[in-house]
Amino acid sequence: MLEADPGLAEKWHDLTDLARNEWICWTVSAKQEATRAKRRERLHEEVLAGKRRPCCWPGCPHRRDSARKWVDA
């Protein structure tokens, strides 16, 4: 995605390491490929729009114990 869209790459590299990690973890944490594809599309749109973190997500389960319950369910 970054190679195909220089604007996205610029916005992506402007994010902090932690913010990029949040987007990646949110995207790959979906169990179904169809959901991961939708999340990649949303990541593309929202990062281009200036959004810095994924919304309505409890966070990376490998960083936050409180988020683990949503992944383990």
C-alpha atoms as a PDB file:
ATOM      1  CA  MET A   1       0.000   0.000   0.000  1.00  0.00           C
ATOM      2  CA  LEU A   2       2.780   2.411   0.856  1.00  0.00           C
ATOM      3  CA  GLU A   3       4.643   1.810  -2.394  1.00  0.00           C
ATOM      4  CA  ALA A   4       1.455   2.284  -4.417  1.00  0.00           C
ATOM      5  CA  ASP A   5       0.496   5.589  -2.766  1.00  0.00           C
ATOM      6  CA  PRO A   6       3.240   8.145  -2.023  1.00  0.00           C
ATOM      7  CA  GLY A   7       0.745  10.347  -0.141  1.00  0.00           C
ATOM      8  CA  LEU A   8      -0.083   7.507   2.209  1.00  0.00           C
ATOM      9  CA  ALA A   9       3.610   6.717   2.659  1.00  0.00           C
ATOM     10  CA  GLU A  10       4.288  10.321   3.661  1.00  0.00           C
ATOM     11  CA  LYS A  11       1.455  10.330   6.210  1.00  0.00           C
ATOM     12  CA  TRP A  12       2.475   6.874   7.471  1.00  0.00           C
ATOM     13  CA  HIS A  13       6.071   7.929   8.096  1.00  0.00           C
ATOM     14  CA  ASP A  14       4.780  10.986   9.965  1.00  0.00           C
ATOM     15  CA  LEU A  15       3.085   8.709  12.527  1.00  0.00           C
ATOM     16  CA  THR A  16       4.919   7.682  15.671  1.00  0.00           C
ATOM     17  CA  ASP A  17       6.214   4.126  15.942  1.00  0.00           C
ATOM     18  CA  LEU A  18       3.496   3.408  18.497  1.00  0.00           C
ATOM     19  CA  ALA A  19       0.742   4.756  16.237  1.00  0.00           C
ATOM     20  CA  ARG A  20       1.989   2.671  13.290  1.00  0.00           C
ATOM     21  CA  ASN A  21       2.053  -0.370  15.570  1.00  0.00           C
ATOM     22  CA  GLU A  22      -1.554   0.303  16.608  1.00  0.00           C
ATOM     23  CA  TRP A  23      -2.687   0.426  12.960  1.00  0.00           C
ATOM     24  CA  ILE A  24      -0.775  -2.745  12.079  1.00  0.00           C
ATOM     25  CA  CYS A  25      -2.007  -4.668  15.098  1.00  0.00           C
ATOM     26  CA  TRP A  26      -5.595  -3.524  14.506  1.00  0.00           C
ATOM     27  CA  THR A  27      -5.397  -4.624  10.875  1.00  0.00           C
ATOM     28  CA  VAL A  28      -3.872  -8.061  11.406  1.00  0.00           C
ATOM     29  CA  SER A  29      -5.877  -8.891  14.543  1.00  0.00           C
ATOM     30  CA  ALA A  30      -9.003  -9.599  12.479  1.00  0.00           C
ATOM     31  CA  LYS A  31      -9.623 -13.321  12.175  1.00  0.00           C
ATOM     32  CA  GLN A  32     -11.072 -13.309   8.655  1.00  0.00           C
ATOM     33  CA  GLU A  33      -9.230 -12.144   5.556  1.00  0.00           C
ATOM     34  CA  ALA A  34     -12.317 -10.232   4.414  1.00  0.00           C
ATOM     35  CA  THR A  35     -12.230  -8.190   7.616  1.00  0.00           C
ATOM     36  CA  ARG A  36      -8.485  -7.603   7.294  1.00  0.00           C
ATOM     37  CA  ALA A  37      -9.056  -6.332   3.743  1.00  0.00           C
ATOM     38  CA  LYS A  38     -11.741  -3.916   4.969  1.00  0.00           C
ATOM     39  CA  ARG A  39      -9.412  -2.723   7.696  1.00  0.00           C
ATOM     40  CA  ARG A  40      -6.615  -2.138   5.180  1.00  0.00           C
ATOM     41  CA  GLU A  41      -9.015  -0.004   3.141  1.00  0.00           C
ATOM     42  CA  ARG A  42     -10.042   1.914   6.241  1.00  0.00           C
ATOM     43  CA  LEU A  43      -6.415   2.369   7.299  1.00  0.00           C
ATOM     44  CA  HIS A  44      -5.662   3.807   3.852  1.00  0.00           C
ATOM     45  CA  GLU A  45      -8.590   6.252   3.972  1.00  0.00           C
ATOM     46  CA  GLU A  46      -8.198   7.323   7.576  1.00  0.00           C
ATOM     47  CA  VAL A  47      -4.430   7.791   7.613  1.00  0.00           C
ATOM     48  CA  LEU A  48      -4.704   9.877   4.439  1.00  0.00           C
ATOM     49  CA  ALA A  49      -7.384  11.931   6.198  1.00  0.00           C
ATOM     50  CA  GLY A  50      -4.972  12.603   9.064  1.00  0.00           C
ATOM     51  CA  LYS A  51      -6.215  10.114  11.610  1.00  0.00           C
ATOM     52  CA  ARG A  52      -3.394   8.936  13.835  1.00  0.00           C
ATOM     53  CA  ARG A  53      -4.909   5.879  15.592  1.00  0.00           C
ATOM     54  CA  PRO A  54      -7.647   3.343  14.826  1.00  0.00           C
ATOM     55  CA  CYS A  55     -10.939   4.196  16.493  1.00  0.00           C
ATOM     56  CA  CYS A  56     -13.149   2.021  18.635  1.00  0.00           C
ATOM     57  CA  TRP A  57     -10.537  -0.625  19.314  1.00  0.00           C
ATOM     58  CA  PRO A  58      -9.334  -1.623  22.802  1.00  0.00           C
ATOM     59  CA  GLY A  59      -5.681  -1.577  21.729  1.00  0.00           C
ATOM     60  CA  CYS A  60      -2.940  -4.072  21.063  1.00  0.00           C
ATOM     61  CA  PRO A  61      -3.476  -7.183  23.199  1.00  0.00           C
ATOM     62  CA  HIS A  62       0.291  -7.729  23.375  1.00  0.00           C
ATOM     63  CA  ARG A  63       0.695  -4.299  25.023  1.00  0.00           C
ATOM     64  CA  ARG A  64      -2.490  -3.955  27.074  1.00  0.00           C
ATOM     65  CA  ASP A  65      -3.844  -6.681  29.326  1.00  0.00           C
ATOM     66  CA  SER A  66      -7.255  -4.993  29.288  1.00  0.00           C
ATOM     67  CA  ALA A  67      -7.445  -5.536  25.526  1.00  0.00           C
ATOM     68  CA  ARG A  68      -6.610  -9.233  25.706  1.00  0.00           C
ATOM     69  CA  LYS A  69     -10.150 -10.197  26.763  1.00  0.00           C
ATOM     70  CA  TRP A  70     -11.501  -8.926  23.418  1.00  0.00           C
ATOM     71  CA  VAL A  71      -9.009 -10.977  21.415  1.00  0.00           C
ATOM     72  CA  ASP A  72      -9.305 -14.136  23.474  1.00  0.00           C
ATOM     73  CA  ALA A  73     -13.118 -14.117  23.315  1.00  0.00           C
END
